[in-house]
Protein backbone atom coordinates (compact mmCIF):
# COMPACT_ATOMS: atom_id res chain seq x y z
CA MET A 1 124.09 145.28 -34.43
CA MET A 2 126.48 145.36 -37.37
CA ALA A 3 128.95 147.49 -35.41
CA LEU A 4 128.91 144.95 -32.59
CA ALA A 5 129.54 142.13 -35.06
CA ALA A 6 132.45 144.02 -36.64
CA ALA A 7 133.96 144.84 -33.24
CA LEU A 8 133.76 141.24 -32.03
CA LEU A 9 135.29 139.91 -35.24
CA ALA A 10 138.06 142.52 -35.08
CA PHE A 11 138.79 141.60 -31.46
CA ALA A 12 139.11 137.93 -32.40
CA ALA A 13 141.32 138.84 -35.38
CA PHE A 14 143.64 140.96 -33.27
CA THR A 15 143.89 138.17 -30.71
CA VAL A 16 144.92 135.68 -33.39
CA ILE A 17 147.48 138.13 -34.78
CA ALA A 18 148.83 138.81 -31.27
CA ALA A 19 149.16 135.08 -30.65
CA CYS A 20 151.65 134.96 -33.53
CA MET A 21 153.80 137.76 -32.14
CA GLU A 22 156.82 136.71 -30.12
CA ARG A 23 156.00 139.26 -27.47
CA HIS A 24 152.57 137.77 -26.71
CA GLN A 25 153.25 134.07 -27.24
CA ASP A 26 153.89 133.46 -23.55
CA GLN A 27 150.72 135.30 -22.59
CA LEU A 28 148.52 133.42 -25.05
CA GLY A 29 150.28 130.05 -24.85
CA THR A 30 151.37 129.75 -28.47
CA GLN A 31 155.13 129.53 -27.93
CA GLN A 32 155.22 125.82 -28.87
CA LEU A 33 153.76 126.35 -32.36
CA LEU A 34 156.00 125.84 -35.38
CA PRO A 35 156.88 128.88 -37.52
CA ALA A 36 154.85 127.56 -40.46
CA ARG A 37 151.78 127.22 -38.26
CA LEU A 38 152.33 130.71 -36.82
CA LEU A 39 152.41 132.07 -40.35
CA ALA A 40 149.11 130.33 -41.12
CA TRP A 41 147.60 131.77 -37.93
CA ARG A 42 148.83 135.24 -38.88
CA TRP A 43 147.17 135.00 -42.31
CA ALA A 44 144.00 133.68 -40.69
CA GLY A 45 144.02 136.71 -38.39
CA PHE A 46 144.39 139.09 -41.32
CA ALA A 47 141.57 137.29 -43.16
CA LEU A 48 139.34 137.59 -40.10
CA LEU A 49 140.24 141.26 -39.91
CA ALA A 50 139.11 141.68 -43.53
CA VAL A 51 135.89 139.80 -42.75
CA SER A 52 135.22 142.26 -39.94
CA LEU A 53 134.88 144.99 -42.57
CA ALA A 54 131.94 143.20 -44.24
CA PRO A 55 129.28 143.99 -41.57
CA CYS A 56 130.20 147.67 -41.79
CA LEU A 57 129.91 147.62 -45.58
CA GLY A 58 126.54 145.92 -45.24
CA ARG A 59 125.26 148.64 -42.92
CA TRP A 60 126.76 151.84 -44.37
CA GLY A 61 128.15 153.11 -47.64
CA PRO A 62 131.84 152.55 -48.38
CA SER A 63 133.18 155.84 -47.03
CA VAL A 64 131.24 155.73 -43.77
CA ALA A 65 131.86 151.97 -43.43
CA VAL A 66 135.64 152.33 -43.59
CA THR A 67 135.59 155.20 -41.12
CA ALA A 68 133.37 153.30 -38.69
CA TRP A 69 135.48 150.16 -39.16
CA LEU A 70 138.67 152.03 -38.29
CA GLY A 71 137.01 153.31 -35.11
CA LEU A 72 135.87 149.80 -34.23
CA LEU A 73 139.39 148.49 -34.87
CA THR A 74 140.65 151.02 -32.35
CA LEU A 75 138.06 149.88 -29.82
CA ALA A 76 138.93 146.20 -30.36
CA ALA A 77 142.68 146.85 -30.11
CA MET A 78 142.24 148.76 -26.86
CA ALA A 79 140.06 145.97 -25.44
CA LEU A 80 142.71 143.39 -26.34
CA GLY A 81 145.43 145.58 -24.86
CA LEU A 82 143.54 145.76 -21.58
CA LEU A 83 142.90 142.03 -21.63
CA LEU A 84 146.57 141.21 -22.25
CA THR A 85 147.59 143.61 -19.49
CA TYR A 86 145.28 142.46 -16.73
CA ALA A 87 144.14 138.93 -17.62
CA PRO A 88 146.28 137.45 -20.43
CA GLN A 89 145.22 133.87 -19.70
CA TRP A 90 141.67 134.78 -20.75
CA GLY A 91 142.76 135.69 -24.29
CA ARG A 92 142.68 132.11 -25.55
CA ARG A 93 139.20 131.62 -24.11
CA VAL A 94 137.63 134.91 -25.12
CA ALA A 95 138.80 135.08 -28.76
CA PRO A 96 136.87 132.04 -30.08
CA VAL A 97 133.76 133.17 -28.21
CA ALA A 98 134.11 136.66 -29.67
CA ALA A 99 134.49 135.27 -33.20
CA ALA A 100 131.46 132.99 -32.84
CA ALA A 101 129.39 135.75 -31.25
CA GLY A 102 130.41 138.20 -33.98
CA LEU A 103 129.38 135.79 -36.72
CA LEU A 104 126.12 135.02 -34.92
CA VAL A 105 125.25 138.69 -34.45
CA TRP A 106 126.12 139.37 -38.08
CA VAL A 107 123.89 136.56 -39.34
CA LEU A 108 121.02 137.56 -37.05
CA ALA A 109 121.26 141.19 -38.16
CA LEU A 110 120.94 140.33 -41.85
C-alpha cells in the first residue's frame, strides 16, 4: 500500500513539474500562467516529490526506502510519459486525482 501511495504522489509531482516546462505547457494548458506562478508550481512539484518519499520511509529502512522510491519514480515518470504521448489532455484531470488518492492510500495504510 505504501508503494502505491508513493507512486501516485510521484506521478502527481511529475505532472506538476511538467506543467511548468515550456515543452509541456501546451499539452497541460498552463501556457497562460505568469512566470512567478510557474515558479511556485515548480516548487510545489518538488515538495510533492519529497513528500512521496515519506511513505517509503514509513514502510522500509532508509536504504531500501530510497532504492524503492527511485524505482517508483521511474514507474511514475514512464506513466506520465505515456499519458503525455497518447492523451495529454487527461494530465490536468488525472494529476489531482492521483495526489488525492495517494494521500488517501497513505493515510489508510498507517
